[in-house]
C-alpha cells in the first residue's frame, strides 16, 4: 500500500504496543488482545500513554505458533 508506514523496531527485544504488534503480524488488534487474555503473550509494562507493552519476541513466537497450529 502506498503511503503506509512500515514499523521498524530497534531489535528483537523491542517493546511494542498491541497496535504495533497487530500491524507487524498482519492481524487485527483484537487478535493481540485475545493472545494476551489467553496467556500466549504477557505485557512487560505500560507506556506513557497507559497502554500495555509487549516484547516483540513474545509476539513473534505467539504469531508463529498460531500460524503453525492453523496448518495442522
PDB file of N, CA and C in Angstrom:
ATOM      1  N   UNK A   1       0.825  -1.173   0.000  1.00  0.00           N
ATOM      2  CA  UNK A   1       0.000   0.000   0.000  1.00  0.00           C
ATOM      3  C   UNK A   1       0.875   1.244   0.000  1.00  0.00           C
ATOM      4  N   UNK A   2       0.622   2.111  -0.887  1.00  0.00           N
ATOM      5  CA  UNK A   2       1.385   3.342  -0.956  1.00  0.00           C
ATOM      6  C   UNK A   2       1.036   4.232   0.225  1.00  0.00           C
ATOM      7  N   UNK A   3       2.066   4.826   0.820  1.00  0.00           N
ATOM      8  CA  UNK A   3       1.830   5.740   1.911  1.00  0.00           C
ATOM      9  C   UNK A   3       1.687   5.087   3.273  1.00  0.00           C
ATOM     10  N   UNK A   4       1.781   3.768   3.333  1.00  0.00           N
ATOM     11  CA  UNK A   4       1.666   3.071   4.605  1.00  0.00           C
ATOM     12  C   UNK A   4       3.037   2.980   5.245  1.00  0.00           C
ATOM     13  N   UNK A   5       3.138   3.447   6.474  1.00  0.00           N
ATOM     14  CA  UNK A   5       4.410   3.392   7.181  1.00  0.00           C
ATOM     15  C   UNK A   5       4.704   1.962   7.612  1.00  0.00           C
ATOM     16  N   UNK A   6       5.949   1.584   7.524  1.00  0.00           N
ATOM     17  CA  UNK A   6       6.372   0.266   7.970  1.00  0.00           C
ATOM     18  C   UNK A   6       7.060   0.438   9.309  1.00  0.00           C
ATOM     19  N   UNK A   7       6.589  -0.281  10.305  1.00  0.00           N
ATOM     20  CA  UNK A   7       7.197  -0.209  11.624  1.00  0.00           C
ATOM     21  C   UNK A   7       8.528  -0.938  11.610  1.00  0.00           C
ATOM     22  N   UNK A   8       9.529  -0.337  12.184  1.00  0.00           N
ATOM     23  CA  UNK A   8      10.840  -0.973  12.237  1.00  0.00           C
ATOM     24  C   UNK A   8      11.365  -0.916  13.666  1.00  0.00           C
ATOM     25  N   UNK A   9      10.997  -1.883  14.482  1.00  0.00           N
ATOM     26  CA  UNK A   9      11.503  -1.921  15.857  1.00  0.00           C
ATOM     27  C   UNK A   9      13.022  -1.979  15.877  1.00  0.00           C
ATOM     28  N   UNK A  10      13.597  -1.545  16.966  1.00  0.00           N
ATOM     29  CA  UNK A  10      15.052  -1.458  17.062  1.00  0.00           C
ATOM     30  C   UNK A  10      15.735  -2.808  17.207  1.00  0.00           C
ATOM     31  N   UNK A  11      15.005  -3.837  17.570  1.00  0.00           N
ATOM     32  CA  UNK A  11      15.601  -5.155  17.707  1.00  0.00           C
ATOM     33  C   UNK A  11      14.563  -6.150  18.182  1.00  0.00           C
ATOM     34  N   UNK A  12      14.938  -7.399  18.214  1.00  0.00           N
ATOM     35  CA  UNK A  12      14.008  -8.459  18.584  1.00  0.00           C
ATOM     36  C   UNK A  12      13.552  -8.323  20.028  1.00  0.00           C
ATOM     37  N   UNK A  13      14.319  -7.627  20.851  1.00  0.00           N
ATOM     38  CA  UNK A  13      13.948  -7.428  22.247  1.00  0.00           C
ATOM     39  C   UNK A  13      13.179  -6.121  22.458  1.00  0.00           C
ATOM     40  N   UNK A  14      12.739  -5.501  21.366  1.00  0.00           N
ATOM     41  CA  UNK A  14      11.983  -4.252  21.440  1.00  0.00           C
ATOM     42  C   UNK A  14      10.680  -4.459  22.179  1.00  0.00           C
ATOM     43  N   UNK A  15      10.193  -3.368  22.738  1.00  0.00           N
ATOM     44  CA  UNK A  15       8.891  -3.382  23.389  1.00  0.00           C
ATOM     45  C   UNK A  15       7.924  -2.594  22.522  1.00  0.00           C
ATOM     46  N   UNK A  16       6.759  -3.196  22.245  1.00  0.00           N
ATOM     47  CA  UNK A  16       5.800  -2.595  21.333  1.00  0.00           C
ATOM     48  C   UNK A  16       4.400  -2.647  21.928  1.00  0.00           C
ATOM     49  N   UNK A  17       3.541  -1.763  21.439  1.00  0.00           N
ATOM     50  CA  UNK A  17       2.148  -1.764  21.889  1.00  0.00           C
ATOM     51  C   UNK A  17       1.376  -2.839  21.126  1.00  0.00           C
ATOM     52  N   UNK A  18       0.182  -3.111  21.578  1.00  0.00           N
ATOM     53  CA  UNK A  18      -0.671  -4.087  20.905  1.00  0.00           C
ATOM     54  C   UNK A  18      -0.990  -3.633  19.481  1.00  0.00           C
ATOM     55  N   UNK A  19      -1.182  -2.351  19.297  1.00  0.00           N
ATOM     56  CA  UNK A  19      -1.464  -1.821  17.958  1.00  0.00           C
ATOM     57  C   UNK A  19      -0.283  -2.058  17.023  1.00  0.00           C
ATOM     58  N   UNK A  20       0.921  -1.807  17.521  1.00  0.00           N
ATOM     59  CA  UNK A  20       2.122  -2.047  16.719  1.00  0.00           C
ATOM     60  C   UNK A  20       2.294  -3.534  16.449  1.00  0.00           C
ATOM     61  N   UNK A  21       2.017  -4.358  17.445  1.00  0.00           N
ATOM     62  CA  UNK A  21       2.126  -5.811  17.282  1.00  0.00           C
ATOM     63  C   UNK A  21       1.173  -6.305  16.205  1.00  0.00           C
ATOM     64  N   UNK A  22      -0.047  -5.793  16.228  1.00  0.00           N
ATOM     65  CA  UNK A  22      -1.042  -6.195  15.228  1.00  0.00           C
ATOM     66  C   UNK A  22      -0.573  -5.822  13.826  1.00  0.00           C
ATOM     67  N   UNK A  23      -0.031  -4.619  13.673  1.00  0.00           N
ATOM     68  CA  UNK A  23       0.444  -4.177  12.365  1.00  0.00           C
ATOM     69  C   UNK A  23       1.618  -5.029  11.888  1.00  0.00           C
ATOM     70  N   UNK A  24       2.545  -5.337  12.772  1.00  0.00           N
ATOM     71  CA  UNK A  24       3.708  -6.139  12.398  1.00  0.00           C
ATOM     72  C   UNK A  24       3.333  -7.564  12.018  1.00  0.00           C
ATOM     73  N   UNK A  25       2.346  -8.129  12.714  1.00  0.00           N
ATOM     74  CA  UNK A  25       1.940  -9.519  12.468  1.00  0.00           C
ATOM     75  C   UNK A  25       0.896  -9.644  11.369  1.00  0.00           C
ATOM     76  N   UNK A  26       0.312  -8.537  10.976  1.00  0.00           N
ATOM     77  CA  UNK A  26      -0.728  -8.585   9.953  1.00  0.00           C
ATOM     78  C   UNK A  26      -2.020  -9.182  10.477  1.00  0.00           C
ATOM     79  N   UNK A  27      -2.311  -8.934  11.747  1.00  0.00           N
ATOM     80  CA  UNK A  27      -3.541  -9.438  12.357  1.00  0.00           C
ATOM     81  C   UNK A  27      -4.323  -8.259  12.934  1.00  0.00           C
ATOM     82  N   UNK A  28      -5.552  -8.524  13.326  1.00  0.00           N
ATOM     83  CA  UNK A  28      -6.382  -7.492  13.933  1.00  0.00           C
ATOM     84  C   UNK A  28      -5.941  -7.240  15.375  1.00  0.00           C
ATOM     85  N   UNK A  29      -6.193  -6.041  15.846  1.00  0.00           N
ATOM     86  CA  UNK A  29      -5.869  -5.690  17.227  1.00  0.00           C
ATOM     87  C   UNK A  29      -6.545  -6.643  18.213  1.00  0.00           C
ATOM     88  N   UNK A  30      -7.772  -7.066  17.915  1.00  0.00           N
ATOM     89  CA  UNK A  30      -8.478  -7.982  18.821  1.00  0.00           C
ATOM     90  C   UNK A  30      -7.758  -9.326  18.926  1.00  0.00           C
ATOM     91  N   UNK A  31      -6.976  -9.707  17.920  1.00  0.00           N
ATOM     92  CA  UNK A  31      -6.198 -10.947  17.982  1.00  0.00           C
ATOM     93  C   UNK A  31      -5.101 -10.818  19.032  1.00  0.00           C
ATOM     94  N   UNK A  32      -4.419  -9.693  19.054  1.00  0.00           N
ATOM     95  CA  UNK A  32      -3.373  -9.461  20.054  1.00  0.00           C
ATOM     96  C   UNK A  32      -3.990  -9.464  21.447  1.00  0.00           C
ATOM     97  N   UNK A  33      -5.133  -8.813  21.585  1.00  0.00           N
ATOM     98  CA  UNK A  33      -5.837  -8.777  22.869  1.00  0.00           C
ATOM     99  C   UNK A  33      -6.220 -10.187  23.307  1.00  0.00           C
ATOM    100  N   UNK A  34      -6.664 -11.012  22.365  1.00  0.00           N
ATOM    101  CA  UNK A  34      -7.045 -12.395  22.683  1.00  0.00           C
ATOM    102  C   UNK A  34      -5.821 -13.200  23.108  1.00  0.00           C
ATOM    103  N   UNK A  35      -4.696 -13.019  22.419  1.00  0.00           N
ATOM    104  CA  UNK A  35      -3.468 -13.721  22.800  1.00  0.00           C
ATOM    105  C   UNK A  35      -3.077 -13.364  24.231  1.00  0.00           C
ATOM    106  N   UNK A  36      -3.221 -12.093  24.587  1.00  0.00           N
ATOM    107  CA  UNK A  36      -2.889 -11.662  25.955  1.00  0.00           C
ATOM    108  C   UNK A  36      -3.862 -12.273  26.957  1.00  0.00           C
ATOM    109  N   UNK A  37      -5.143 -12.261  26.638  1.00  0.00           N
ATOM    110  CA  UNK A  37      -6.164 -12.829  27.533  1.00  0.00           C
ATOM    111  C   UNK A  37      -5.946 -14.322  27.723  1.00  0.00           C
ATOM    112  N   UNK A  38      -5.522 -15.015  26.664  1.00  0.00           N
ATOM    113  CA  UNK A  38      -5.288 -16.463  26.712  1.00  0.00           C
ATOM    114  C   UNK A  38      -3.932 -16.825  27.317  1.00  0.00           C
ATOM    115  N   UNK A  39      -3.105 -15.828  27.622  1.00  0.00           N
ATOM    116  CA  UNK A  39      -1.796 -16.085  28.221  1.00  0.00           C
ATOM    117  C   UNK A  39      -0.701 -16.420  27.230  1.00  0.00           C
ATOM    118  N   UNK A  40      -0.951 -16.237  25.958  1.00  0.00           N
ATOM    119  CA  UNK A  40       0.078 -16.516  24.949  1.00  0.00           C
ATOM    120  C   UNK A  40       1.176 -15.464  24.961  1.00  0.00           C
ATOM    121  N   UNK A  41       0.798 -14.226  25.296  1.00  0.00           N
ATOM    122  CA  UNK A  41       1.761 -13.145  25.476  1.00  0.00           C
ATOM    123  C   UNK A  41       1.426 -12.443  26.789  1.00  0.00           C
ATOM    124  N   UNK A  42       2.446 -11.870  27.409  1.00  0.00           N
ATOM    125  CA  UNK A  42       2.264 -11.189  28.689  1.00  0.00           C
ATOM    126  C   UNK A  42       2.830  -9.783  28.581  1.00  0.00           C
ATOM    127  N   UNK A  43       2.081  -8.782  29.011  1.00  0.00           N
ATOM    128  CA  UNK A  43       2.619  -7.419  28.978  1.00  0.00           C
ATOM    129  C   UNK A  43       3.853  -7.314  29.878  1.00  0.00           C
ATOM    130  N   UNK A  44       4.820  -6.527  29.429  1.00  0.00           N
ATOM    131  CA  UNK A  44       6.030  -6.331  30.219  1.00  0.00           C
ATOM    132  C   UNK A  44       6.030  -4.975  30.907  1.00  0.00           C
ATOM    133  N   UNK A  45       5.001  -4.202  30.656  1.00  0.00           N
ATOM    134  CA  UNK A  45       4.911  -2.883  31.273  1.00  0.00           C
ATOM    135  C   UNK A  45       3.814  -2.063  30.648  1.00  0.00           C
ATOM    136  N   UNK A  46       3.846  -0.782  30.980  1.00  0.00           N
ATOM    137  CA  UNK A  46       2.863   0.167  30.464  1.00  0.00           C
ATOM    138  C   UNK A  46       3.631   1.387  29.968  1.00  0.00           C
ATOM    139  N   UNK A  47       3.242   1.902  28.787  1.00  0.00           N
ATOM    140  CA  UNK A  47       3.947   3.067  28.247  1.00  0.00           C
ATOM    141  C   UNK A  47       3.388   4.359  28.840  1.00  0.00           C
ATOM    142  N   UNK A  48       3.891   5.473  28.389  1.00  0.00           N
ATOM    143  CA  UNK A  48       3.483   6.780  28.925  1.00  0.00           C
ATOM    144  C   UNK A  48       2.006   7.083  28.711  1.00  0.00           C
ATOM    145  N   UNK A  49       1.423   6.510  27.689  1.00  0.00           N
ATOM    146  CA  UNK A  49       0.006   6.722  27.397  1.00  0.00           C
ATOM    147  C   UNK A  49      -0.890   5.765  28.184  1.00  0.00           C
ATOM    148  N   UNK A  50      -0.284   4.896  28.982  1.00  0.00           N
ATOM    149  CA  UNK A  50      -1.048   3.948  29.781  1.00  0.00           C
ATOM    150  C   UNK A  50      -1.420   2.673  29.039  1.00  0.00           C
ATOM    151  N   UNK A  51      -0.803   2.453  27.884  1.00  0.00           N
ATOM    152  CA  UNK A  51      -1.071   1.238  27.101  1.00  0.00           C
ATOM    153  C   UNK A  51      -0.076   0.144  27.469  1.00  0.00           C
ATOM    154  N   UNK A  52      -0.563  -1.078  27.462  1.00  0.00           N
ATOM    155  CA  UNK A  52       0.307  -2.222  27.754  1.00  0.00           C
ATOM    156  C   UNK A  52       1.327  -2.365  26.633  1.00  0.00           C
ATOM    157  N   UNK A  53       2.526  -2.775  27.008  1.00  0.00           N
ATOM    158  CA  UNK A  53       3.559  -3.039  26.014  1.00  0.00           C
ATOM    159  C   UNK A  53       4.010  -4.485  26.135  1.00  0.00           C
ATOM    160  N   UNK A  54       4.403  -5.040  25.002  1.00  0.00           N
ATOM    161  CA  UNK A  54       4.791  -6.442  24.896  1.00  0.00           C
ATOM    162  C   UNK A  54       6.160  -6.527  24.258  1.00  0.00           C
ATOM    163  N   UNK A  55       6.884  -7.615  24.551  1.00  0.00           N
ATOM    164  CA  UNK A  55       8.162  -7.864  23.882  1.00  0.00           C
ATOM    165  C   UNK A  55       7.891  -8.365  22.474  1.00  0.00           C
ATOM    166  N   UNK A  56       8.601  -7.818  21.526  1.00  0.00           N
ATOM    167  CA  UNK A  56       8.456  -8.215  20.131  1.00  0.00           C
ATOM    168  C   UNK A  56       8.694  -9.709  19.966  1.00  0.00           C
ATOM    169  N   UNK A  57       9.689 -10.251  20.651  1.00  0.00           N
ATOM    170  CA  UNK A  57      10.000 -11.673  20.552  1.00  0.00           C
ATOM    171  C   UNK A  57       8.816 -12.528  20.991  1.00  0.00           C
ATOM    172  N   UNK A  58       8.155 -12.151  22.084  1.00  0.00           N
ATOM    173  CA  UNK A  58       6.991 -12.903  22.570  1.00  0.00           C
ATOM    174  C   UNK A  58       5.848 -12.867  21.557  1.00  0.00           C
ATOM    175  N   UNK A  59       5.638 -11.697  20.964  1.00  0.00           N
ATOM    176  CA  UNK A  59       4.575 -11.554  19.968  1.00  0.00           C
ATOM    177  C   UNK A  59       4.887 -12.409  18.738  1.00  0.00           C
ATOM    178  N   UNK A  60       6.138 -12.389  18.308  1.00  0.00           N
ATOM    179  CA  UNK A  60       6.544 -13.181  17.138  1.00  0.00           C
ATOM    180  C   UNK A  60       6.360 -14.672  17.391  1.00  0.00           C
ATOM    181  N   UNK A  61       6.705 -15.123  18.591  1.00  0.00           N
ATOM    182  CA  UNK A  61       6.530 -16.544  18.932  1.00  0.00           C
ATOM    183  C   UNK A  61       5.052 -16.926  18.933  1.00  0.00           C
ATOM    184  N   UNK A  62       4.201 -16.069  19.471  1.00  0.00           N
ATOM    185  CA  UNK A  62       2.761 -16.354  19.500  1.00  0.00           C
ATOM    186  C   UNK A  62       2.188 -16.382  18.087  1.00  0.00           C
ATOM    187  N   UNK A  63       2.649 -15.472  17.254  1.00  0.00           N
ATOM    188  CA  UNK A  63       2.168 -15.417  15.874  1.00  0.00           C
ATOM    189  C   UNK A  63       2.576 -16.672  15.117  1.00  0.00           C
ATOM    190  N   UNK A  64       3.810 -17.096  15.294  1.00  0.00           N
ATOM    191  CA  UNK A  64       4.297 -18.310  14.605  1.00  0.00           C
ATOM    192  C   UNK A  64       3.552 -19.548  15.091  1.00  0.00           C
ATOM    193  N   UNK A  65       3.346 -19.655  16.393  1.00  0.00           N
ATOM    194  CA  UNK A  65       2.626 -20.810  16.945  1.00  0.00           C
ATOM    195  C   UNK A  65       1.194 -20.858  16.415  1.00  0.00           C
ATOM    196  N   UNK A  66       0.573 -19.696  16.294  1.00  0.00           N
ATOM    197  CA  UNK A  66      -0.795 -19.634  15.780  1.00  0.00           C
ATOM    198  C   UNK A  66      -0.843 -20.086  14.332  1.00  0.00           C
ATOM    199  N   UNK A  67       0.101 -19.602  13.526  1.00  0.00           N
ATOM    200  CA  UNK A  67       0.136 -19.983  12.099  1.00  0.00           C
ATOM    201  C   UNK A  67       0.440 -21.479  11.945  1.00  0.00           C
ATOM    202  N   UNK A  68       1.359 -22.008  12.762  1.00  0.00           N
ATOM    203  CA  UNK A  68       1.682 -23.435  12.694  1.00  0.00           C
ATOM    204  C   UNK A  68       0.484 -24.280  13.088  1.00  0.00           C
ATOM    205  N   UNK A  69      -0.238 -23.880  14.091  1.00  0.00           N
ATOM    206  CA  UNK A  69      -1.413 -24.623  14.541  1.00  0.00           C
ATOM    207  C   UNK A  69      -2.500 -24.611  13.452  1.00  0.00           C
ATOM    208  N   UNK A  70      -2.613 -23.517  12.743  1.00  0.00           N
ATOM    209  CA  UNK A  70      -3.620 -23.391  11.680  1.00  0.00           C
ATOM    210  C   UNK A  70      -3.314 -24.310  10.491  1.00  0.00           C
ATOM    211  N   UNK A  71      -2.061 -24.693  10.316  1.00  0.00           N
ATOM    212  CA  UNK A  71      -1.648 -25.539   9.178  1.00  0.00           C
ATOM    213  C   UNK A  71      -1.816 -27.030   9.456  1.00  0.00           C
ATOM    214  N   UNK A  72      -2.180 -27.398  10.657  1.00  0.00           N
ATOM    215  CA  UNK A  72      -2.284 -28.824  11.044  1.00  0.00           C
ATOM    216  C   UNK A  72      -2.531 -29.704   9.925  1.00  0.00           C
TER     217      UNK A  72
END
